[in-house]
Amino acid sequence: MSEPQIPPPPQFKASSKATTALILGIVGLVCCPLCGPFAWYMGNQEGKAIKAGQSSPAGQGLATAGMILGILGTAYLVFVLLWVVFFGGLAMLSALSASAGQ
């Protein structure tokens, strides 16, 4: 006689919000820094939902990675904005002052 087979435990899937946070984090870091803050927010919210038991714990890693990439993307966005405002603005002012002095 063979032993009865025990069914495998159910596999939990990561929520779509955790996956979206990860994708936005990657896009925010690679090509579109405006996605960074959204990834940070969505990853943070999904992490809270997982801790509260409202979402599948399988998405914890994806949500955390999305949040971290979102933080990095947001820092990149701030750097880009500061670069444009200060260095781009200074270049524009120097070009204007050079043309006014002629």
PDB file of N, CA and C in Angstrom:
ATOM      1  N   MET A   1       0.834  -1.180   0.000  1.00  0.00           N
ATOM      2  CA  MET A   1       0.000   0.000   0.000  1.00  0.00           C
ATOM      3  C   MET A   1       0.877   1.240   0.000  1.00  0.00           C
ATOM      4  N   SER A   2       0.472   2.168  -0.759  1.00  0.00           N
ATOM      5  CA  SER A   2       1.234   3.414  -0.812  1.00  0.00           C
ATOM      6  C   SER A   2       0.605   4.447   0.122  1.00  0.00           C
ATOM      7  N   GLU A   3       1.442   5.319   0.570  1.00  0.00           N
ATOM      8  CA  GLU A   3       0.949   6.376   1.460  1.00  0.00           C
ATOM      9  C   GLU A   3       0.125   7.370   0.658  1.00  0.00           C
ATOM     10  N   PRO A   4      -0.849   7.962   1.298  1.00  0.00           N
ATOM     11  CA  PRO A   4      -1.637   8.967   0.582  1.00  0.00           C
ATOM     12  C   PRO A   4      -0.758  10.186   0.265  1.00  0.00           C
ATOM     13  N   GLN A   5      -0.946  10.701  -0.905  1.00  0.00           N
ATOM     14  CA  GLN A   5      -0.162  11.855  -1.336  1.00  0.00           C
ATOM     15  C   GLN A   5      -0.702  13.119  -0.681  1.00  0.00           C
ATOM     16  N   ILE A   6       0.220  13.889  -0.144  1.00  0.00           N
ATOM     17  CA  ILE A   6      -0.157  15.167   0.454  1.00  0.00           C
ATOM     18  C   ILE A   6      -0.094  16.217  -0.650  1.00  0.00           C
ATOM     19  N   PRO A   7      -1.169  16.964  -0.822  1.00  0.00           N
ATOM     20  CA  PRO A   7      -1.138  17.984  -1.887  1.00  0.00           C
ATOM     21  C   PRO A   7      -0.114  19.078  -1.536  1.00  0.00           C
ATOM     22  N   PRO A   8       0.512  19.627  -2.554  1.00  0.00           N
ATOM     23  CA  PRO A   8       1.475  20.693  -2.289  1.00  0.00           C
ATOM     24  C   PRO A   8       0.759  21.930  -1.747  1.00  0.00           C
ATOM     25  N   PRO A   9       1.465  22.727  -0.975  1.00  0.00           N
ATOM     26  CA  PRO A   9       0.831  23.939  -0.448  1.00  0.00           C
ATOM     27  C   PRO A   9       0.490  24.883  -1.598  1.00  0.00           C
ATOM     28  N   PRO A  10      -0.541  25.679  -1.429  1.00  0.00           N
ATOM     29  CA  PRO A  10      -0.923  26.593  -2.505  1.00  0.00           C
ATOM     30  C   PRO A  10       0.178  27.620  -2.764  1.00  0.00           C
ATOM     31  N   GLN A  11       0.381  27.899  -4.027  1.00  0.00           N
ATOM     32  CA  GLN A  11       1.383  28.881  -4.418  1.00  0.00           C
ATOM     33  C   GLN A  11       0.713  30.252  -4.474  1.00  0.00           C
ATOM     34  N   PHE A  12       1.289  31.193  -3.759  1.00  0.00           N
ATOM     35  CA  PHE A  12       0.763  32.550  -3.775  1.00  0.00           C
ATOM     36  C   PHE A  12       1.461  33.343  -4.859  1.00  0.00           C
ATOM     37  N   LYS A  13       0.702  34.132  -5.562  1.00  0.00           N
ATOM     38  CA  LYS A  13       1.268  34.993  -6.586  1.00  0.00           C
ATOM     39  C   LYS A  13       1.417  36.395  -6.030  1.00  0.00           C
ATOM     40  N   ALA A  14       2.431  37.092  -6.537  1.00  0.00           N
ATOM     41  CA  ALA A  14       2.625  38.481  -6.149  1.00  0.00           C
ATOM     42  C   ALA A  14       1.490  39.314  -6.730  1.00  0.00           C
ATOM     43  N   SER A  15       1.103  40.335  -6.001  1.00  0.00           N
ATOM     44  CA  SER A  15       0.028  41.186  -6.490  1.00  0.00           C
ATOM     45  C   SER A  15       0.506  42.023  -7.679  1.00  0.00           C
ATOM     46  N   SER A  16      -0.445  42.502  -8.426  1.00  0.00           N
ATOM     47  CA  SER A  16      -0.089  43.322  -9.589  1.00  0.00           C
ATOM     48  C   SER A  16       0.498  44.659  -9.148  1.00  0.00           C
ATOM     49  N   LYS A  17       0.133  45.135  -7.957  1.00  0.00           N
ATOM     50  CA  LYS A  17       0.691  46.404  -7.472  1.00  0.00           C
ATOM     51  C   LYS A  17       2.183  46.269  -7.188  1.00  0.00           C
ATOM     52  N   ALA A  18       2.594  45.138  -6.637  1.00  0.00           N
ATOM     53  CA  ALA A  18       4.015  44.920  -6.369  1.00  0.00           C
ATOM     54  C   ALA A  18       4.797  44.844  -7.678  1.00  0.00           C
ATOM     55  N   THR A  19       4.230  44.160  -8.655  1.00  0.00           N
ATOM     56  CA  THR A  19       4.882  44.062  -9.961  1.00  0.00           C
ATOM     57  C   THR A  19       4.947  45.426 -10.637  1.00  0.00           C
ATOM     58  N   THR A  20       3.872  46.192 -10.535  1.00  0.00           N
ATOM     59  CA  THR A  20       3.852  47.533 -11.122  1.00  0.00           C
ATOM     60  C   THR A  20       4.884  48.433 -10.462  1.00  0.00           C
ATOM     61  N   ALA A  21       5.023  48.332  -9.138  1.00  0.00           N
ATOM     62  CA  ALA A  21       6.018  49.134  -8.440  1.00  0.00           C
ATOM     63  C   ALA A  21       7.423  48.798  -8.931  1.00  0.00           C
ATOM     64  N   LEU A  22       7.696  47.520  -9.139  1.00  0.00           N
ATOM     65  CA  LEU A  22       9.010  47.116  -9.631  1.00  0.00           C
ATOM     66  C   LEU A  22       9.252  47.638 -11.046  1.00  0.00           C
ATOM     67  N   ILE A  23       8.265  47.509 -11.906  1.00  0.00           N
ATOM     68  CA  ILE A  23       8.424  47.980 -13.289  1.00  0.00           C
ATOM     69  C   ILE A  23       8.617  49.493 -13.321  1.00  0.00           C
ATOM     70  N   LEU A  24       7.816  50.220 -12.547  1.00  0.00           N
ATOM     71  CA  LEU A  24       7.979  51.675 -12.498  1.00  0.00           C
ATOM     72  C   LEU A  24       9.345  52.060 -11.939  1.00  0.00           C
ATOM     73  N   GLY A  25       9.828  51.304 -10.969  1.00  0.00           N
ATOM     74  CA  GLY A  25      11.150  51.574 -10.411  1.00  0.00           C
ATOM     75  C   GLY A  25      12.250  51.393 -11.440  1.00  0.00           C
ATOM     76  N   ILE A  26      12.146  50.336 -12.227  1.00  0.00           N
ATOM     77  CA  ILE A  26      13.144  50.089 -13.266  1.00  0.00           C
ATOM     78  C   ILE A  26      13.083  51.178 -14.335  1.00  0.00           C
ATOM     79  N   VAL A  27      11.878  51.502 -14.784  1.00  0.00           N
ATOM     80  CA  VAL A  27      11.716  52.538 -15.805  1.00  0.00           C
ATOM     81  C   VAL A  27      12.188  53.896 -15.265  1.00  0.00           C
ATOM     82  N   GLY A  28      11.886  54.172 -13.999  1.00  0.00           N
ATOM     83  CA  GLY A  28      12.296  55.433 -13.404  1.00  0.00           C
ATOM     84  C   GLY A  28      13.801  55.574 -13.291  1.00  0.00           C
ATOM     85  N   LEU A  29      14.477  54.478 -13.113  1.00  0.00           N
ATOM     86  CA  LEU A  29      15.927  54.528 -12.977  1.00  0.00           C
ATOM     87  C   LEU A  29      16.620  54.507 -14.330  1.00  0.00           C
ATOM     88  N   VAL A  30      16.030  53.832 -15.311  1.00  0.00           N
ATOM     89  CA  VAL A  30      16.688  53.648 -16.601  1.00  0.00           C
ATOM     90  C   VAL A  30      16.428  54.808 -17.555  1.00  0.00           C
ATOM     91  N   CYS A  31      15.166  55.208 -17.716  1.00  0.00           N
ATOM     92  CA  CYS A  31      14.907  56.178 -18.780  1.00  0.00           C
ATOM     93  C   CYS A  31      13.965  57.314 -18.430  1.00  0.00           C
ATOM     94  N   CYS A  32      13.109  57.160 -17.455  1.00  0.00           N
ATOM     95  CA  CYS A  32      12.108  58.196 -17.171  1.00  0.00           C
ATOM     96  C   CYS A  32      12.061  58.465 -15.663  1.00  0.00           C
ATOM     97  N   PRO A  33      12.864  59.398 -15.193  1.00  0.00           N
ATOM     98  CA  PRO A  33      12.924  59.639 -13.750  1.00  0.00           C
ATOM     99  C   PRO A  33      11.591  60.054 -13.122  1.00  0.00           C
ATOM    100  N   LEU A  34      10.644  60.508 -13.931  1.00  0.00           N
ATOM    101  CA  LEU A  34       9.345  60.890 -13.376  1.00  0.00           C
ATOM    102  C   LEU A  34       8.586  59.697 -12.796  1.00  0.00           C
ATOM    103  N   CYS A  35       8.938  58.488 -13.181  1.00  0.00           N
ATOM    104  CA  CYS A  35       8.280  57.282 -12.649  1.00  0.00           C
ATOM    105  C   CYS A  35       8.805  56.919 -11.261  1.00  0.00           C
ATOM    106  N   GLY A  36       9.950  57.451 -10.873  1.00  0.00           N
ATOM    107  CA  GLY A  36      10.569  57.104  -9.594  1.00  0.00           C
ATOM    108  C   GLY A  36       9.686  57.351  -8.382  1.00  0.00           C
ATOM    109  N   PRO A  37       9.125  58.563  -8.232  1.00  0.00           N
ATOM    110  CA  PRO A  37       8.264  58.801  -7.056  1.00  0.00           C
ATOM    111  C   PRO A  37       7.038  57.903  -7.017  1.00  0.00           C
ATOM    112  N   PHE A  38       6.488  57.569  -8.184  1.00  0.00           N
ATOM    113  CA  PHE A  38       5.316  56.683  -8.225  1.00  0.00           C
ATOM    114  C   PHE A  38       5.693  55.271  -7.772  1.00  0.00           C
ATOM    115  N   ALA A  39       6.864  54.810  -8.196  1.00  0.00           N
ATOM    116  CA  ALA A  39       7.332  53.483  -7.773  1.00  0.00           C
ATOM    117  C   ALA A  39       7.571  53.457  -6.268  1.00  0.00           C
ATOM    118  N   TRP A  40       8.153  54.517  -5.746  1.00  0.00           N
ATOM    119  CA  TRP A  40       8.413  54.618  -4.315  1.00  0.00           C
ATOM    120  C   TRP A  40       7.097  54.535  -3.541  1.00  0.00           C
ATOM    121  N   TYR A  41       6.113  55.310  -3.973  1.00  0.00           N
ATOM    122  CA  TYR A  41       4.821  55.343  -3.307  1.00  0.00           C
ATOM    123  C   TYR A  41       4.115  53.984  -3.388  1.00  0.00           C
ATOM    124  N   MET A  42       4.059  53.418  -4.595  1.00  0.00           N
ATOM    125  CA  MET A  42       3.353  52.145  -4.764  1.00  0.00           C
ATOM    126  C   MET A  42       4.034  51.012  -4.005  1.00  0.00           C
ATOM    127  N   GLY A  43       5.371  50.978  -4.028  1.00  0.00           N
ATOM    128  CA  GLY A  43       6.091  49.953  -3.281  1.00  0.00           C
ATOM    129  C   GLY A  43       5.861  50.074  -1.790  1.00  0.00           C
ATOM    130  N   ASN A  44       5.833  51.300  -1.303  1.00  0.00           N
ATOM    131  CA  ASN A  44       5.599  51.540   0.121  1.00  0.00           C
ATOM    132  C   ASN A  44       4.183  51.123   0.512  1.00  0.00           C
ATOM    133  N   GLN A  45       3.197  51.495  -0.297  1.00  0.00           N
ATOM    134  CA  GLN A  45       1.809  51.141  -0.004  1.00  0.00           C
ATOM    135  C   GLN A  45       1.594  49.623  -0.050  1.00  0.00           C
ATOM    136  N   GLU A  46       2.220  48.974  -1.020  1.00  0.00           N
ATOM    137  CA  GLU A  46       2.077  47.518  -1.122  1.00  0.00           C
ATOM    138  C   GLU A  46       2.765  46.825   0.048  1.00  0.00           C
ATOM    139  N   GLY A  47       3.900  47.336   0.487  1.00  0.00           N
ATOM    140  CA  GLY A  47       4.567  46.779   1.659  1.00  0.00           C
ATOM    141  C   GLY A  47       3.693  46.874   2.899  1.00  0.00           C
ATOM    142  N   LYS A  48       3.007  48.007   3.054  1.00  0.00           N
ATOM    143  CA  LYS A  48       2.088  48.170   4.184  1.00  0.00           C
ATOM    144  C   LYS A  48       0.913  47.199   4.080  1.00  0.00           C
ATOM    145  N   ALA A  49       0.400  47.007   2.858  1.00  0.00           N
ATOM    146  CA  ALA A  49      -0.724  46.086   2.668  1.00  0.00           C
ATOM    147  C   ALA A  49      -0.304  44.650   2.972  1.00  0.00           C
ATOM    148  N   ILE A  50       0.919  44.295   2.624  1.00  0.00           N
ATOM    149  CA  ILE A  50       1.406  42.938   2.906  1.00  0.00           C
ATOM    150  C   ILE A  50       1.551  42.737   4.409  1.00  0.00           C
ATOM    151  N   LYS A  51       2.098  43.737   5.095  1.00  0.00           N
ATOM    152  CA  LYS A  51       2.250  43.624   6.553  1.00  0.00           C
ATOM    153  C   LYS A  51       0.903  43.556   7.254  1.00  0.00           C
ATOM    154  N   ALA A  52      -0.101  44.225   6.699  1.00  0.00           N
ATOM    155  CA  ALA A  52      -1.434  44.215   7.295  1.00  0.00           C
ATOM    156  C   ALA A  52      -2.217  42.955   6.925  1.00  0.00           C
ATOM    157  N   GLY A  53      -1.659  42.124   6.051  1.00  0.00           N
ATOM    158  CA  GLY A  53      -2.334  40.897   5.653  1.00  0.00           C
ATOM    159  C   GLY A  53      -3.376  41.091   4.567  1.00  0.00           C
ATOM    160  N   GLN A  54      -3.379  42.243   3.927  1.00  0.00           N
ATOM    161  CA  GLN A  54      -4.366  42.534   2.886  1.00  0.00           C
ATOM    162  C   GLN A  54      -3.892  42.122   1.502  1.00  0.00           C
ATOM    163  N   SER A  55      -2.626  41.766   1.387  1.00  0.00           N
ATOM    164  CA  SER A  55      -2.070  41.394   0.095  1.00  0.00           C
ATOM    165  C   SER A  55      -1.188  40.165   0.275  1.00  0.00           C
ATOM    166  N   SER A  56      -0.901  39.498  -0.825  1.00  0.00           N
ATOM    167  CA  SER A  56      -0.127  38.263  -0.785  1.00  0.00           C
ATOM    168  C   SER A  56       1.318  38.531  -0.346  1.00  0.00           C
ATOM    169  N   PRO A  57       1.830  37.730   0.586  1.00  0.00           N
ATOM    170  CA  PRO A  57       3.215  37.922   1.027  1.00  0.00           C
ATOM    171  C   PRO A  57       4.245  37.576  -0.048  1.00  0.00           C
ATOM    172  N   ALA A  58       3.805  36.954  -1.137  1.00  0.00           N
ATOM    173  CA  ALA A  58       4.739  36.615  -2.214  1.00  0.00           C
ATOM    174  C   ALA A  58       5.267  37.862  -2.914  1.00  0.00           C
ATOM    175  N   GLY A  59       4.582  38.982  -2.788  1.00  0.00           N
ATOM    176  CA  GLY A  59       5.002  40.214  -3.451  1.00  0.00           C
ATOM    177  C   GLY A  59       5.913  41.091  -2.618  1.00  0.00           C
ATOM    178  N   GLN A  60       6.309  40.631  -1.426  1.00  0.00           N
ATOM    179  CA  GLN A  60       7.129  41.460  -0.541  1.00  0.00           C
ATOM    180  C   GLN A  60       8.443  41.858  -1.200  1.00  0.00           C
ATOM    181  N   GLY A  61       9.115  40.917  -1.832  1.00  0.00           N
ATOM    182  CA  GLY A  61      10.399  41.224  -2.469  1.00  0.00           C
ATOM    183  C   GLY A  61      10.246  42.190  -3.624  1.00  0.00           C
ATOM    184  N   LEU A  62       9.206  41.987  -4.428  1.00  0.00           N
ATOM    185  CA  LEU A  62       8.968  42.877  -5.556  1.00  0.00           C
ATOM    186  C   LEU A  62       8.623  44.281  -5.079  1.00  0.00           C
ATOM    187  N   ALA A  63       7.792  44.373  -4.050  1.00  0.00           N
ATOM    188  CA  ALA A  63       7.401  45.682  -3.528  1.00  0.00           C
ATOM    189  C   ALA A  63       8.604  46.409  -2.935  1.00  0.00           C
ATOM    190  N   THR A  64       9.442  45.678  -2.212  1.00  0.00           N
ATOM    191  CA  THR A  64      10.634  46.289  -1.621  1.00  0.00           C
ATOM    192  C   THR A  64      11.612  46.741  -2.700  1.00  0.00           C
ATOM    193  N   ALA A  65      11.813  45.899  -3.707  1.00  0.00           N
ATOM    194  CA  ALA A  65      12.709  46.279  -4.799  1.00  0.00           C
ATOM    195  C   ALA A  65      12.163  47.481  -5.555  1.00  0.00           C
ATOM    196  N   GLY A  66      10.860  47.515  -5.798  1.00  0.00           N
ATOM    197  CA  GLY A  66      10.245  48.660  -6.458  1.00  0.00           C
ATOM    198  C   GLY A  66      10.397  49.927  -5.642  1.00  0.00           C
ATOM    199  N   MET A  67      10.243  49.804  -4.321  1.00  0.00           N
ATOM    200  CA  MET A  67      10.387  50.969  -3.452  1.00  0.00           C
ATOM    201  C   MET A  67      11.823  51.484  -3.468  1.00  0.00           C
ATOM    202  N   ILE A  68      12.792  50.590  -3.385  1.00  0.00           N
ATOM    203  CA  ILE A  68      14.199  51.005  -3.387  1.00  0.00           C
ATOM    204  C   ILE A  68      14.570  51.636  -4.723  1.00  0.00           C
ATOM    205  N   LEU A  69      14.144  51.014  -5.823  1.00  0.00           N
ATOM    206  CA  LEU A  69      14.410  51.601  -7.135  1.00  0.00           C
ATOM    207  C   LEU A  69      13.691  52.936  -7.281  1.00  0.00           C
ATOM    208  N   GLY A  70      12.511  53.051  -6.689  1.00  0.00           N
ATOM    209  CA  GLY A  70      11.788  54.323  -6.708  1.00  0.00           C
ATOM    210  C   GLY A  70      12.524  55.406  -5.944  1.00  0.00           C
ATOM    211  N   ILE A  71      13.132  55.054  -4.817  1.00  0.00           N
ATOM    212  CA  ILE A  71      13.926  56.024  -4.052  1.00  0.00           C
ATOM    213  C   ILE A  71      15.122  56.476  -4.881  1.00  0.00           C
ATOM    214  N   LEU A  72      15.794  55.511  -5.510  1.00  0.00           N
ATOM    215  CA  LEU A  72      16.940  55.869  -6.353  1.00  0.00           C
ATOM    216  C   LEU A  72      16.505  56.708  -7.554  1.00  0.00           C
ATOM    217  N   GLY A  73      15.378  56.352  -8.168  1.00  0.00           N
ATOM    218  CA  GLY A  73      14.856  57.121  -9.296  1.00  0.00           C
ATOM    219  C   GLY A  73      14.451  58.522  -8.892  1.00  0.00           C
ATOM    220  N   THR A  74      13.895  58.666  -7.683  1.00  0.00           N
ATOM    221  CA  THR A  74      13.522  59.996  -7.187  1.00  0.00           C
ATOM    222  C   THR A  74      14.762  60.836  -6.928  1.00  0.00           C
ATOM    223  N   ALA A  75      15.792  60.234  -6.362  1.00  0.00           N
ATOM    224  CA  ALA A  75      17.045  60.960  -6.147  1.00  0.00           C
ATOM    225  C   ALA A  75      17.639  61.393  -7.482  1.00  0.00           C
ATOM    226  N   TYR A  76      17.559  60.520  -8.487  1.00  0.00           N
ATOM    227  CA  TYR A  76      18.033  60.854  -9.830  1.00  0.00           C
ATOM    228  C   TYR A  76      17.212  62.004 -10.413  1.00  0.00           C
ATOM    229  N   LEU A  77      15.893  61.981 -10.206  1.00  0.00           N
ATOM    230  CA  LEU A  77      15.029  63.050 -10.685  1.00  0.00           C
ATOM    231  C   LEU A  77      15.399  64.382 -10.039  1.00  0.00           C
ATOM    232  N   VAL A  78      15.621  64.371  -8.735  1.00  0.00           N
ATOM    233  CA  VAL A  78      16.016  65.602  -8.038  1.00  0.00           C
ATOM    234  C   VAL A  78      17.346  66.110  -8.578  1.00  0.00           C
ATOM    235  N   PHE A  79      18.290  65.209  -8.791  1.00  0.00           N
ATOM    236  CA  PHE A  79      19.588  65.605  -9.341  1.00  0.00           C
ATOM    237  C   PHE A  79      19.427  66.225 -10.724  1.00  0.00           C
ATOM    238  N   VAL A  80      18.606  65.609 -11.561  1.00  0.00           N
ATOM    239  CA  VAL A  80      18.380  66.134 -12.914  1.00  0.00           C
ATOM    240  C   VAL A  80      17.725  67.508 -12.852  1.00  0.00           C
ATOM    241  N   LEU A  81      16.729  67.659 -11.988  1.00  0.00           N
ATOM    242  CA  LEU A  81      16.063  68.957 -11.873  1.00  0.00           C
ATOM    243  C   LEU A  81      17.012  70.033 -11.360  1.00  0.00           C
ATOM    244  N   LEU A  82      17.838  69.692 -10.369  1.00  0.00           N
ATOM    245  CA  LEU A  82      18.810  70.661  -9.877  1.00  0.00           C
ATOM    246  C   LEU A  82      19.824  71.013 -10.956  1.00  0.00           C
ATOM    247  N   TRP A  83      20.232  70.036 -11.718  1.00  0.00           N
ATOM    248  CA  TRP A  83      21.188  70.269 -12.805  1.00  0.00           C
ATOM    249  C   TRP A  83      20.593  71.237 -13.835  1.00  0.00           C
ATOM    250  N   VAL A  84      19.354  70.983 -14.216  1.00  0.00           N
ATOM    251  CA  VAL A  84      18.708  71.829 -15.215  1.00  0.00           C
ATOM    252  C   VAL A  84      18.492  73.238 -14.679  1.00  0.00           C
ATOM    253  N   VAL A  85      18.014  73.338 -13.447  1.00  0.00           N
ATOM    254  CA  VAL A  85      17.700  74.650 -12.890  1.00  0.00           C
ATOM    255  C   VAL A  85      18.969  75.466 -12.667  1.00  0.00           C
ATOM    256  N   PHE A  86      19.960  74.863 -12.014  1.00  0.00           N
ATOM    257  CA  PHE A  86      21.141  75.651 -11.681  1.00  0.00           C
ATOM    258  C   PHE A  86      22.115  75.776 -12.841  1.00  0.00           C
ATOM    259  N   PHE A  87      22.518  74.667 -13.403  1.00  0.00           N
ATOM    260  CA  PHE A  87      23.523  74.738 -14.466  1.00  0.00           C
ATOM    261  C   PHE A  87      22.907  75.191 -15.784  1.00  0.00           C
ATOM    262  N   GLY A  88      21.724  74.702 -16.094  1.00  0.00           N
ATOM    263  CA  GLY A  88      21.047  75.153 -17.307  1.00  0.00           C
ATOM    264  C   GLY A  88      20.633  76.604 -17.193  1.00  0.00           C
ATOM    265  N   GLY A  89      20.148  76.988 -16.017  1.00  0.00           N
ATOM    266  CA  GLY A  89      19.763  78.379 -15.795  1.00  0.00           C
ATOM    267  C   GLY A  89      20.957  79.310 -15.830  1.00  0.00           C
ATOM    268  N   LEU A  90      22.082  78.875 -15.262  1.00  0.00           N
ATOM    269  CA  LEU A  90      23.290  79.699 -15.288  1.00  0.00           C
ATOM    270  C   LEU A  90      23.834  79.835 -16.703  1.00  0.00           C
ATOM    271  N   ALA A  91      23.750  78.766 -17.468  1.00  0.00           N
ATOM    272  CA  ALA A  91      24.211  78.832 -18.857  1.00  0.00           C
ATOM    273  C   ALA A  91      23.338  79.791 -19.651  1.00  0.00           C
ATOM    274  N   MET A  92      22.067  79.764 -19.389  1.00  0.00           N
ATOM    275  CA  MET A  92      21.157  80.658 -20.096  1.00  0.00           C
ATOM    276  C   MET A  92      21.421  82.112 -19.708  1.00  0.00           C
ATOM    277  N   LEU A  93      21.631  82.349 -18.424  1.00  0.00           N
ATOM    278  CA  LEU A  93      21.925  83.712 -17.969  1.00  0.00           C
ATOM    279  C   LEU A  93      23.243  84.214 -18.535  1.00  0.00           C
ATOM    280  N   SER A  94      24.241  83.347 -18.580  1.00  0.00           N
ATOM    281  CA  SER A  94      25.529  83.784 -19.124  1.00  0.00           C
ATOM    282  C   SER A  94      25.423  84.064 -20.615  1.00  0.00           C
ATOM    283  N   ALA A  95      24.594  83.279 -21.331  1.00  0.00           N
ATOM    284  CA  ALA A  95      24.394  83.536 -22.760  1.00  0.00           C
ATOM    285  C   ALA A  95      23.658  84.848 -22.964  1.00  0.00           C
ATOM    286  N   LEU A  96      22.681  85.132 -22.086  1.00  0.00           N
ATOM    287  CA  LEU A  96      21.957  86.383 -22.197  1.00  0.00           C
ATOM    288  C   LEU A  96      22.849  87.573 -21.867  1.00  0.00           C
ATOM    289  N   SER A  97      23.678  87.429 -20.851  1.00  0.00           N
ATOM    290  CA  SER A  97      24.554  88.548 -20.483  1.00  0.00           C
ATOM    291  C   SER A  97      25.638  88.760 -21.539  1.00  0.00           C
ATOM    292  N   ALA A  98      26.081  87.684 -22.190  1.00  0.00           N
ATOM    293  CA  ALA A  98      27.081  87.809 -23.229  1.00  0.00           C
ATOM    294  C   ALA A  98      26.495  88.496 -24.451  1.00  0.00           C
ATOM    295  N   SER A  99      25.229  88.185 -24.760  1.00  0.00           N
ATOM    296  CA  SER A  99      24.613  88.817 -25.934  1.00  0.00           C
ATOM    297  C   SER A  99      24.211  90.258 -25.612  1.00  0.00           C
ATOM    298  N   ALA A 100      23.914  90.569 -24.336  1.00  0.00           N
ATOM    299  CA  ALA A 100      23.553  91.942 -23.958  1.00  0.00           C
ATOM    300  C   ALA A 100      24.785  92.840 -23.937  1.00  0.00           C
ATOM    301  N   GLY A 101      25.944  92.250 -23.691  1.00  0.00           N
ATOM    302  CA  GLY A 101      27.178  93.037 -23.607  1.00  0.00           C
ATOM    303  C   GLY A 101      27.747  93.367 -24.971  1.00  0.00           C
ATOM    304  N   GLN A 102      27.203  92.842 -26.023  1.00  0.00           N
ATOM    305  CA  GLN A 102      27.773  93.084 -27.365  1.00  0.00           C
ATOM    306  C   GLN A 102      27.338  94.386 -27.936  1.00  0.00           C
TER     307      GLN A 102
END
